[in-house]
Amino acid sequence: MKKWTTLLAVATLALGLAACNETAAPVKDKDVTETSKLTLQEVYNKSLKVSEELKSVKAKIDMKQTMHLPAQDMNLDVSSVLEMDYIVDPMQIHQTGTTSMQSDDKSLEAQDIELESYITKDAFYMYEATSGQWMKFPKEMMDQLMNVTDQSNPSNQLKIIKSFLGDFTFEQDNDNYILSLQASGEKFTELVKAQVNEALQSFGGEDVKMDMTINSINYLIHIDKKSFQTNKVDMVLDMDMTIDGEKMNMKQNVKSDFSNFNKMKEIVIPQEVIDSATSI
């Protein structure tokens, strides 16, 4: 269960922008003096171009999930606060943070897990907090991780979301274009299912039978009016899933902030990490 819920977070975090031919209305109850006449289609095109040229970025992610498993009559709460430095090509990632997990039936005692990992196209190192040991994962895991990372590429996601042009509300304040969406239904179920299914297949190694219903999905996206970089993506998702016969409901609230665009040149894995890691 932990594997595919983590992958679901990756897949849903990747969702991005949409476009249509309306200009951005000023945000209500704000004194907006710097207005733009660009249409959402024009903002989308500029944002897509910027995302395709992205070289590096820093992300801060605050994610809360509640999973209800009827078969066990259990709620599992997972909270994660992560910071990630990411260089696109060649792929280099350094991630730190904490994850807290607990269940309401006390079958899983509340625990805080410290996270740190280094990822490149050739290596994947992760710190295992309970043992105080660095672990090195095999090449097969790297190939799977690369597949999921490619699916999460912002420019690829922008192209997928393009078909939802008319579903977003388009506003602006003095600094940002603001896209928002409140939606549900089969159309959005198929969108999320396609991406999550690809991620699951990458890690599962075999066919995964999955049914999914999106009860509701809300987005709040900020795009900087000068750079056209996407600097904020908040998402709230309520969905029902059945995976290989196991039913569950998931409620997920993800807040992502992006900064330090194209400033990083290299992420170096410390030599002590390489020397001390245990191969899995």
C-alpha atoms as a PDB file:
ATOM      1  CA  MET A   1       0.000   0.000   0.000  1.00  0.00           C
ATOM      2  CA  LYS A   2       2.789   2.422   0.878  1.00  0.00           C
ATOM      3  CA  LYS A   3       4.391   2.006  -2.557  1.00  0.00           C
ATOM      4  CA  TRP A   4       1.394   2.944  -4.665  1.00  0.00           C
ATOM      5  CA  THR A   5       0.183   5.753  -2.383  1.00  0.00           C
ATOM      6  CA  THR A   6       3.632   7.342  -2.664  1.00  0.00           C
ATOM      7  CA  LEU A   7       3.502   6.995  -6.439  1.00  0.00           C
ATOM      8  CA  LEU A   8       0.055   8.546  -6.465  1.00  0.00           C
ATOM      9  CA  ALA A   9       1.517  11.581  -4.729  1.00  0.00           C
ATOM     10  CA  VAL A  10       4.198  11.813  -7.396  1.00  0.00           C
ATOM     11  CA  ALA A  11       1.692  11.534 -10.210  1.00  0.00           C
ATOM     12  CA  THR A  12      -0.798  14.044  -8.815  1.00  0.00           C
ATOM     13  CA  LEU A  13       1.895  16.532  -7.829  1.00  0.00           C
ATOM     14  CA  ALA A  14       2.933  16.604 -11.474  1.00  0.00           C
ATOM     15  CA  LEU A  15      -0.393  17.972 -12.780  1.00  0.00           C
ATOM     16  CA  GLY A  16      -0.162  21.549 -14.013  1.00  0.00           C
ATOM     17  CA  LEU A  17      -1.704  24.194 -16.260  1.00  0.00           C
ATOM     18  CA  ALA A  18      -4.583  24.665 -18.678  1.00  0.00           C
ATOM     19  CA  ALA A  19      -5.364  27.300 -21.323  1.00  0.00           C
ATOM     20  CA  CYS A  20      -8.199  29.225 -22.966  1.00  0.00           C
ATOM     21  CA  ASN A  21      -8.688  32.568 -24.702  1.00  0.00           C
ATOM     22  CA  GLU A  22      -9.758  34.787 -21.798  1.00  0.00           C
ATOM     23  CA  THR A  23      -7.752  37.550 -20.138  1.00  0.00           C
ATOM     24  CA  ALA A  24      -7.155  37.400 -16.392  1.00  0.00           C
ATOM     25  CA  ALA A  25      -9.665  39.185 -14.191  1.00  0.00           C
ATOM     26  CA  PRO A  26      -8.205  41.074 -11.203  1.00  0.00           C
ATOM     27  CA  VAL A  27      -8.518  39.158  -7.959  1.00  0.00           C
ATOM     28  CA  LYS A  28     -11.502  40.394  -5.984  1.00  0.00           C
ATOM     29  CA  ASP A  29     -10.910  42.415  -2.817  1.00  0.00           C
ATOM     30  CA  LYS A  30      -7.333  43.253  -3.843  1.00  0.00           C
ATOM     31  CA  ASP A  31      -5.889  46.493  -5.188  1.00  0.00           C
ATOM     32  CA  VAL A  32      -4.532  45.237  -8.505  1.00  0.00           C
ATOM     33  CA  THR A  33      -2.683  48.042 -10.294  1.00  0.00           C
ATOM     34  CA  GLU A  34      -0.383  45.985 -12.524  1.00  0.00           C
ATOM     35  CA  THR A  35      -2.815  44.372 -14.968  1.00  0.00           C
ATOM     36  CA  SER A  36      -1.952  42.290 -18.005  1.00  0.00           C
ATOM     37  CA  LYS A  37      -3.968  41.796 -21.182  1.00  0.00           C
ATOM     38  CA  LEU A  38      -2.443  38.403 -21.987  1.00  0.00           C
ATOM     39  CA  THR A  39      -4.968  35.650 -22.537  1.00  0.00           C
ATOM     40  CA  LEU A  40      -4.774  32.337 -20.717  1.00  0.00           C
ATOM     41  CA  GLN A  41      -3.735  30.736 -24.005  1.00  0.00           C
ATOM     42  CA  GLU A  42      -0.814  33.160 -24.278  1.00  0.00           C
ATOM     43  CA  VAL A  43       0.189  32.622 -20.652  1.00  0.00           C
ATOM     44  CA  TYR A  44      -0.024  28.878 -21.187  1.00  0.00           C
ATOM     45  CA  ASN A  45       2.210  29.024 -24.270  1.00  0.00           C
ATOM     46  CA  LYS A  46       4.814  31.146 -22.489  1.00  0.00           C
ATOM     47  CA  SER A  47       4.720  28.927 -19.391  1.00  0.00           C
ATOM     48  CA  LEU A  48       5.108  25.803 -21.495  1.00  0.00           C
ATOM     49  CA  LYS A  49       8.146  27.272 -23.232  1.00  0.00           C
ATOM     50  CA  VAL A  50       9.710  28.207 -19.889  1.00  0.00           C
ATOM     51  CA  SER A  51       9.019  24.769 -18.417  1.00  0.00           C
ATOM     52  CA  GLU A  52      10.636  23.051 -21.395  1.00  0.00           C
ATOM     53  CA  GLU A  53      13.752  25.181 -20.834  1.00  0.00           C
ATOM     54  CA  LEU A  54      13.895  24.667 -17.046  1.00  0.00           C
ATOM     55  CA  LYS A  55      17.370  23.689 -15.871  1.00  0.00           C
ATOM     56  CA  SER A  56      16.960  23.559 -12.074  1.00  0.00           C
ATOM     57  CA  VAL A  57      14.524  24.433  -9.295  1.00  0.00           C
ATOM     58  CA  LYS A  58      14.011  24.234  -5.519  1.00  0.00           C
ATOM     59  CA  ALA A  59      10.690  22.826  -4.284  1.00  0.00           C
ATOM     60  CA  LYS A  60       9.061  22.918  -0.861  1.00  0.00           C
ATOM     61  CA  ILE A  61       6.191  20.464  -0.483  1.00  0.00           C
ATOM     62  CA  ASP A  62       3.692  20.135   2.369  1.00  0.00           C
ATOM     63  CA  MET A  63       1.489  17.088   1.852  1.00  0.00           C
ATOM     64  CA  LYS A  64      -1.279  15.637   4.021  1.00  0.00           C
ATOM     65  CA  GLN A  65      -3.093  12.398   3.166  1.00  0.00           C
ATOM     66  CA  THR A  66      -5.897  10.481   4.839  1.00  0.00           C
ATOM     67  CA  MET A  67      -6.565   6.977   3.560  1.00  0.00           C
ATOM     68  CA  HIS A  68      -9.667   5.064   4.638  1.00  0.00           C
ATOM     69  CA  LEU A  69      -9.544   1.279   4.159  1.00  0.00           C
ATOM     70  CA  PRO A  70     -13.054  -0.173   4.669  1.00  0.00           C
ATOM     71  CA  ALA A  71     -11.840  -3.778   4.845  1.00  0.00           C
ATOM     72  CA  GLN A  72      -9.769  -2.938   7.921  1.00  0.00           C
ATOM     73  CA  ASP A  73     -12.136  -0.174   9.124  1.00  0.00           C
ATOM     74  CA  MET A  74      -9.019   1.951   9.472  1.00  0.00           C
ATOM     75  CA  ASN A  75      -7.916   5.492   8.701  1.00  0.00           C
ATOM     76  CA  LEU A  76      -4.244   6.060   7.973  1.00  0.00           C
ATOM     77  CA  ASP A  77      -2.944   9.630   8.217  1.00  0.00           C
ATOM     78  CA  VAL A  78       0.317  10.566   6.491  1.00  0.00           C
ATOM     79  CA  SER A  79       1.920  14.027   6.643  1.00  0.00           C
ATOM     80  CA  SER A  80       5.108  14.958   4.792  1.00  0.00           C
ATOM     81  CA  VAL A  81       7.158  18.135   4.687  1.00  0.00           C
ATOM     82  CA  LEU A  82       9.872  17.976   2.045  1.00  0.00           C
ATOM     83  CA  GLU A  83      12.483  20.215   0.454  1.00  0.00           C
ATOM     84  CA  MET A  84      14.001  19.214  -2.867  1.00  0.00           C
ATOM     85  CA  ASP A  85      16.776  20.601  -5.063  1.00  0.00           C
ATOM     86  CA  TYR A  86      16.305  19.365  -8.614  1.00  0.00           C
ATOM     87  CA  ILE A  87      18.565  19.654 -11.669  1.00  0.00           C
ATOM     88  CA  VAL A  88      16.839  18.486 -14.838  1.00  0.00           C
ATOM     89  CA  ASP A  89      19.653  17.375 -17.162  1.00  0.00           C
ATOM     90  CA  PRO A  90      21.536  15.360 -16.234  1.00  0.00           C
ATOM     91  CA  MET A  91      19.042  14.480 -13.500  1.00  0.00           C
ATOM     92  CA  GLN A  92      20.300  15.280 -10.006  1.00  0.00           C
ATOM     93  CA  ILE A  93      18.074  15.436  -6.918  1.00  0.00           C
ATOM     94  CA  HIS A  94      18.709  16.048  -3.229  1.00  0.00           C
ATOM     95  CA  GLN A  95      15.673  15.688  -0.973  1.00  0.00           C
ATOM     96  CA  THR A  96      15.275  16.157   2.786  1.00  0.00           C
ATOM     97  CA  GLY A  97      12.267  16.189   5.067  1.00  0.00           C
ATOM     98  CA  THR A  98      10.088  14.279   7.488  1.00  0.00           C
ATOM     99  CA  THR A  99       7.057  12.010   7.172  1.00  0.00           C
ATOM    100  CA  SER A 100       4.619  11.313  10.010  1.00  0.00           C
ATOM    101  CA  MET A 101       2.287   8.290   9.954  1.00  0.00           C
ATOM    102  CA  GLN A 102      -0.420   7.064  12.311  1.00  0.00           C
ATOM    103  CA  SER A 103      -3.626   5.022  12.217  1.00  0.00           C
ATOM    104  CA  ASP A 104      -6.781   5.631  14.224  1.00  0.00           C
ATOM    105  CA  ASP A 105      -7.041   1.985  15.295  1.00  0.00           C
ATOM    106  CA  LYS A 106      -3.571   2.080  16.909  1.00  0.00           C
ATOM    107  CA  SER A 107      -2.336  -0.758  14.680  1.00  0.00           C
ATOM    108  CA  LEU A 108       0.339   1.673  13.521  1.00  0.00           C
ATOM    109  CA  GLU A 109       1.884   3.726  16.286  1.00  0.00           C
ATOM    110  CA  ALA A 110       2.532   7.381  15.529  1.00  0.00           C
ATOM    111  CA  GLN A 111       6.008   7.791  14.133  1.00  0.00           C
ATOM    112  CA  ASP A 112       8.107  10.502  12.528  1.00  0.00           C
ATOM    113  CA  ILE A 113      10.488   9.367   9.804  1.00  0.00           C
ATOM    114  CA  GLU A 114      13.430  11.496   8.741  1.00  0.00           C
ATOM    115  CA  LEU A 115      14.039  11.449   5.008  1.00  0.00           C
ATOM    116  CA  GLU A 116      17.096  12.233   2.920  1.00  0.00           C
ATOM    117  CA  SER A 117      18.015  10.973  -0.515  1.00  0.00           C
ATOM    118  CA  TYR A 118      20.321  11.630  -3.443  1.00  0.00           C
ATOM    119  CA  ILE A 119      19.254  10.627  -6.925  1.00  0.00           C
ATOM    120  CA  THR A 120      21.146  10.791 -10.222  1.00  0.00           C
ATOM    121  CA  LYS A 121      20.675   8.968 -13.510  1.00  0.00           C
ATOM    122  CA  ASP A 122      23.172   6.360 -12.289  1.00  0.00           C
ATOM    123  CA  ALA A 123      22.595   6.119  -8.532  1.00  0.00           C
ATOM    124  CA  PHE A 124      19.916   6.269  -5.851  1.00  0.00           C
ATOM    125  CA  TYR A 125      20.965   6.663  -2.209  1.00  0.00           C
ATOM    126  CA  MET A 126      18.486   6.938   0.670  1.00  0.00           C
ATOM    127  CA  TYR A 127      19.076   7.401   4.407  1.00  0.00           C
ATOM    128  CA  GLU A 128      17.300   4.872   6.613  1.00  0.00           C
ATOM    129  CA  ALA A 129      16.703   6.760   9.867  1.00  0.00           C
ATOM    130  CA  THR A 130      15.868   3.821  12.160  1.00  0.00           C
ATOM    131  CA  SER A 131      19.175   2.094  11.440  1.00  0.00           C
ATOM    132  CA  GLY A 132      21.175   5.267  10.836  1.00  0.00           C
ATOM    133  CA  GLN A 133      22.395   3.737   7.584  1.00  0.00           C
ATOM    134  CA  TRP A 134      22.617   4.954   3.979  1.00  0.00           C
ATOM    135  CA  MET A 135      21.274   2.495   1.403  1.00  0.00           C
ATOM    136  CA  LYS A 136      22.105   2.206  -2.294  1.00  0.00           C
ATOM    137  CA  PHE A 137      19.312   0.875  -4.496  1.00  0.00           C
ATOM    138  CA  PRO A 138      19.894  -1.365  -7.529  1.00  0.00           C
ATOM    139  CA  LYS A 139      19.963  -0.355 -11.187  1.00  0.00           C
ATOM    140  CA  GLU A 140      16.480  -1.828 -11.721  1.00  0.00           C
ATOM    141  CA  MET A 141      15.048   0.640  -9.209  1.00  0.00           C
ATOM    142  CA  MET A 142      16.852   3.470 -11.024  1.00  0.00           C
ATOM    143  CA  ASP A 143      15.270   2.504 -14.344  1.00  0.00           C
ATOM    144  CA  GLN A 144      11.808   2.500 -12.725  1.00  0.00           C
ATOM    145  CA  LEU A 145      12.474   5.822 -11.034  1.00  0.00           C
ATOM    146  CA  MET A 146      13.588   7.365 -14.316  1.00  0.00           C
ATOM    147  CA  ASN A 147      10.304   6.288 -15.932  1.00  0.00           C
ATOM    148  CA  VAL A 148       8.238   7.972 -13.214  1.00  0.00           C
ATOM    149  CA  THR A 149      10.435  11.088 -13.299  1.00  0.00           C
ATOM    150  CA  ASP A 150       9.911  11.373 -17.047  1.00  0.00           C
ATOM    151  CA  GLN A 151       6.132  11.151 -16.534  1.00  0.00           C
ATOM    152  CA  SER A 152       6.396  14.022 -14.036  1.00  0.00           C
ATOM    153  CA  ASN A 153       8.157  16.353 -16.479  1.00  0.00           C
ATOM    154  CA  PRO A 154       6.283  19.702 -16.335  1.00  0.00           C
ATOM    155  CA  SER A 155       6.240  20.199 -20.095  1.00  0.00           C
ATOM    156  CA  ASN A 156       4.729  16.731 -20.642  1.00  0.00           C
ATOM    157  CA  GLN A 157       2.054  17.452 -18.065  1.00  0.00           C
ATOM    158  CA  LEU A 158       1.248  20.833 -19.595  1.00  0.00           C
ATOM    159  CA  LYS A 159       0.524  19.153 -22.910  1.00  0.00           C
ATOM    160  CA  ILE A 160      -1.815  16.659 -21.225  1.00  0.00           C
ATOM    161  CA  ILE A 161      -3.694  19.371 -19.320  1.00  0.00           C
ATOM    162  CA  LYS A 162      -4.166  21.441 -22.481  1.00  0.00           C
ATOM    163  CA  SER A 163      -7.425  19.635 -23.245  1.00  0.00           C
ATOM    164  CA  PHE A 164      -8.959  21.147 -20.084  1.00  0.00           C
ATOM    165  CA  LEU A 165      -8.703  24.759 -21.316  1.00  0.00           C
ATOM    166  CA  GLY A 166     -12.180  25.872 -20.403  1.00  0.00           C
ATOM    167  CA  ASP A 167     -12.258  24.333 -16.926  1.00  0.00           C
ATOM    168  CA  PHE A 168      -9.887  26.770 -15.197  1.00  0.00           C
ATOM    169  CA  THR A 169     -10.729  30.184 -13.743  1.00  0.00           C
ATOM    170  CA  PHE A 170      -8.127  32.797 -14.780  1.00  0.00           C
ATOM    171  CA  GLU A 171      -7.287  35.771 -12.517  1.00  0.00           C
ATOM    172  CA  GLN A 172      -4.337  38.009 -11.680  1.00  0.00           C
ATOM    173  CA  ASP A 173      -2.871  40.090  -8.896  1.00  0.00           C
ATOM    174  CA  ASN A 174       0.107  42.436  -9.150  1.00  0.00           C
ATOM    175  CA  ASP A 175       2.661  39.619  -9.244  1.00  0.00           C
ATOM    176  CA  ASN A 176       1.008  36.450 -10.498  1.00  0.00           C
ATOM    177  CA  TYR A 177      -1.413  34.925 -12.942  1.00  0.00           C
ATOM    178  CA  ILE A 178      -3.739  32.743 -10.872  1.00  0.00           C
ATOM    179  CA  LEU A 179      -5.371  29.598 -12.247  1.00  0.00           C
ATOM    180  CA  SER A 180      -7.966  27.741 -10.198  1.00  0.00           C
ATOM    181  CA  LEU A 181     -10.099  24.688 -10.790  1.00  0.00           C
ATOM    182  CA  GLN A 182     -12.887  22.989  -8.866  1.00  0.00           C
ATOM    183  CA  ALA A 183     -13.969  19.851 -10.656  1.00  0.00           C
ATOM    184  CA  SER A 184     -15.144  16.258 -10.448  1.00  0.00           C
ATOM    185  CA  GLY A 185     -16.434  13.588 -12.756  1.00  0.00           C
ATOM    186  CA  GLU A 186     -15.398  10.981 -15.283  1.00  0.00           C
ATOM    187  CA  LYS A 187     -13.309  13.325 -17.437  1.00  0.00           C
ATOM    188  CA  PHE A 188     -10.911  14.037 -14.568  1.00  0.00           C
ATOM    189  CA  THR A 189     -10.981  10.427 -13.408  1.00  0.00           C
ATOM    190  CA  GLU A 190      -9.582   9.318 -16.764  1.00  0.00           C
ATOM    191  CA  LEU A 191      -6.892  12.018 -16.653  1.00  0.00           C
ATOM    192  CA  VAL A 192      -5.561  11.023 -13.236  1.00  0.00           C
ATOM    193  CA  LYS A 193      -6.024   7.291 -13.841  1.00  0.00           C
ATOM    194  CA  ALA A 194      -3.869   7.314 -16.972  1.00  0.00           C
ATOM    195  CA  GLN A 195      -0.935   8.896 -15.174  1.00  0.00           C
ATOM    196  CA  VAL A 196      -1.200   6.922 -11.947  1.00  0.00           C
ATOM    197  CA  ASN A 197      -1.542   3.672 -13.876  1.00  0.00           C
ATOM    198  CA  GLU A 198       1.700   4.372 -15.772  1.00  0.00           C
ATOM    199  CA  ALA A 199       3.518   5.015 -12.500  1.00  0.00           C
ATOM    200  CA  LEU A 200       2.150   1.839 -10.933  1.00  0.00           C
ATOM    201  CA  GLN A 201       3.096  -0.257 -13.952  1.00  0.00           C
ATOM    202  CA  SER A 202       6.639   1.138 -13.832  1.00  0.00           C
ATOM    203  CA  PHE A 203       7.120  -0.103 -10.276  1.00  0.00           C
ATOM    204  CA  GLY A 204       4.792  -3.073 -10.210  1.00  0.00           C
ATOM    205  CA  GLY A 205       6.360  -5.133 -12.965  1.00  0.00           C
ATOM    206  CA  GLU A 206       2.978  -6.731 -13.673  1.00  0.00           C
ATOM    207  CA  ASP A 207      -0.544  -5.695 -14.612  1.00  0.00           C
ATOM    208  CA  VAL A 208      -2.284  -3.785 -11.849  1.00  0.00           C
ATOM    209  CA  LYS A 209      -6.093  -3.872 -11.944  1.00  0.00           C
ATOM    210  CA  MET A 210      -7.304  -0.452 -10.870  1.00  0.00           C
ATOM    211  CA  ASP A 211     -10.616   1.403 -10.777  1.00  0.00           C
ATOM    212  CA  MET A 212     -10.747   5.034  -9.742  1.00  0.00           C
ATOM    213  CA  THR A 213     -13.405   7.683  -9.163  1.00  0.00           C
ATOM    214  CA  ILE A 214     -12.549  11.354  -8.647  1.00  0.00           C
ATOM    215  CA  ASN A 215     -15.047  12.754  -6.119  1.00  0.00           C
ATOM    216  CA  SER A 216     -13.486  16.219  -6.344  1.00  0.00           C
ATOM    217  CA  ILE A 217     -10.246  17.863  -7.414  1.00  0.00           C
ATOM    218  CA  ASN A 218      -9.230  21.479  -6.781  1.00  0.00           C
ATOM    219  CA  TYR A 219      -6.176  23.346  -8.046  1.00  0.00           C
ATOM    220  CA  LEU A 220      -4.653  26.722  -7.239  1.00  0.00           C
ATOM    221  CA  ILE A 221      -1.709  27.624  -9.496  1.00  0.00           C
ATOM    222  CA  HIS A 222       0.415  30.785  -9.462  1.00  0.00           C
ATOM    223  CA  ILE A 223       2.512  31.797 -12.480  1.00  0.00           C
ATOM    224  CA  ASP A 224       4.936  34.696 -12.116  1.00  0.00           C
ATOM    225  CA  LYS A 225       3.922  37.571 -14.414  1.00  0.00           C
ATOM    226  CA  LYS A 226       7.522  38.471 -15.293  1.00  0.00           C
ATOM    227  CA  SER A 227       9.291  35.124 -15.625  1.00  0.00           C
ATOM    228  CA  PHE A 228       6.258  32.894 -16.393  1.00  0.00           C
ATOM    229  CA  GLN A 229       7.667  30.326 -13.967  1.00  0.00           C
ATOM    230  CA  THR A 230       5.100  28.303 -12.032  1.00  0.00           C
ATOM    231  CA  ASN A 231       5.909  29.189  -8.414  1.00  0.00           C
ATOM    232  CA  LYS A 232       2.945  27.649  -6.585  1.00  0.00           C
ATOM    233  CA  VAL A 233       0.722  24.596  -7.092  1.00  0.00           C
ATOM    234  CA  ASP A 234      -1.835  23.679  -4.415  1.00  0.00           C
ATOM    235  CA  MET A 235      -4.035  20.653  -4.956  1.00  0.00           C
ATOM    236  CA  VAL A 236      -6.856  19.055  -2.959  1.00  0.00           C
ATOM    237  CA  LEU A 237      -7.999  15.622  -4.134  1.00  0.00           C
ATOM    238  CA  ASP A 238     -10.763  13.283  -2.927  1.00  0.00           C
ATOM    239  CA  MET A 239     -10.839   9.948  -4.718  1.00  0.00           C
ATOM    240  CA  ASP A 240     -12.056   6.364  -4.358  1.00  0.00           C
ATOM    241  CA  MET A 241      -9.801   3.582  -5.603  1.00  0.00           C
ATOM    242  CA  THR A 242      -9.863  -0.187  -5.979  1.00  0.00           C
ATOM    243  CA  ILE A 243      -6.455  -1.724  -6.670  1.00  0.00           C
ATOM    244  CA  ASP A 244      -6.279  -5.475  -7.129  1.00  0.00           C
ATOM    245  CA  GLY A 245      -9.542  -5.826  -5.186  1.00  0.00           C
ATOM    246  CA  GLU A 246      -8.528  -3.583  -2.276  1.00  0.00           C
ATOM    247  CA  LYS A 247     -10.884  -0.636  -1.818  1.00  0.00           C
ATOM    248  CA  MET A 248      -9.937   2.650  -0.243  1.00  0.00           C
ATOM    249  CA  ASN A 249     -10.726   6.356  -0.152  1.00  0.00           C
ATOM    250  CA  MET A 250      -7.941   8.905  -0.286  1.00  0.00           C
ATOM    251  CA  LYS A 251      -8.085  12.567   0.606  1.00  0.00           C
ATOM    252  CA  GLN A 252      -4.916  14.440  -0.285  1.00  0.00           C
ATOM    253  CA  ASN A 253      -3.921  18.075   0.270  1.00  0.00           C
ATOM    254  CA  VAL A 254      -0.636  19.117  -1.363  1.00  0.00           C
ATOM    255  CA  LYS A 255       0.941  22.574  -1.206  1.00  0.00           C
ATOM    256  CA  SER A 256       4.013  23.073  -3.420  1.00  0.00           C
ATOM    257  CA  ASP A 257       6.160  26.200  -3.674  1.00  0.00           C
ATOM    258  CA  PHE A 258       8.929  26.588  -6.272  1.00  0.00           C
ATOM    259  CA  SER A 259      11.878  28.984  -6.277  1.00  0.00           C
ATOM    260  CA  ASN A 260      15.561  29.407  -7.171  1.00  0.00           C
ATOM    261  CA  PHE A 261      14.857  28.760 -10.848  1.00  0.00           C
ATOM    262  CA  ASN A 262      17.905  27.862 -12.969  1.00  0.00           C
ATOM    263  CA  LYS A 263      20.369  28.819 -10.210  1.00  0.00           C
ATOM    264  CA  MET A 264      21.867  25.414  -9.330  1.00  0.00           C
ATOM    265  CA  LYS A 265      24.674  23.965 -11.427  1.00  0.00           C
ATOM    266  CA  GLU A 266      25.465  20.685  -9.671  1.00  0.00           C
ATOM    267  CA  ILE A 267      24.369  18.448  -6.798  1.00  0.00           C
ATOM    268  CA  VAL A 268      27.246  16.406  -5.427  1.00  0.00           C
ATOM    269  CA  ILE A 269      26.675  13.164  -3.508  1.00  0.00           C
ATOM    270  CA  PRO A 270      29.002  13.338  -0.471  1.00  0.00           C
ATOM    271  CA  GLN A 271      31.814  10.817  -0.574  1.00  0.00           C
ATOM    272  CA  GLU A 272      30.954   9.579   2.938  1.00  0.00           C
ATOM    273  CA  VAL A 273      27.474   8.672   1.684  1.00  0.00           C
ATOM    274  CA  ILE A 274      28.936   6.658  -1.203  1.00  0.00           C
ATOM    275  CA  ASP A 275      31.520   4.939   1.011  1.00  0.00           C
ATOM    276  CA  SER A 276      29.166   4.011   3.850  1.00  0.00           C
ATOM    277  CA  ALA A 277      26.081   2.960   1.846  1.00  0.00           C
ATOM    278  CA  THR A 278      24.827  -0.603   2.000  1.00  0.00           C
ATOM    279  CA  SER A 279      23.703  -2.029  -1.354  1.00  0.00           C
ATOM    280  CA  ILE A 280      20.126  -3.368  -1.431  1.00  0.00           C
END
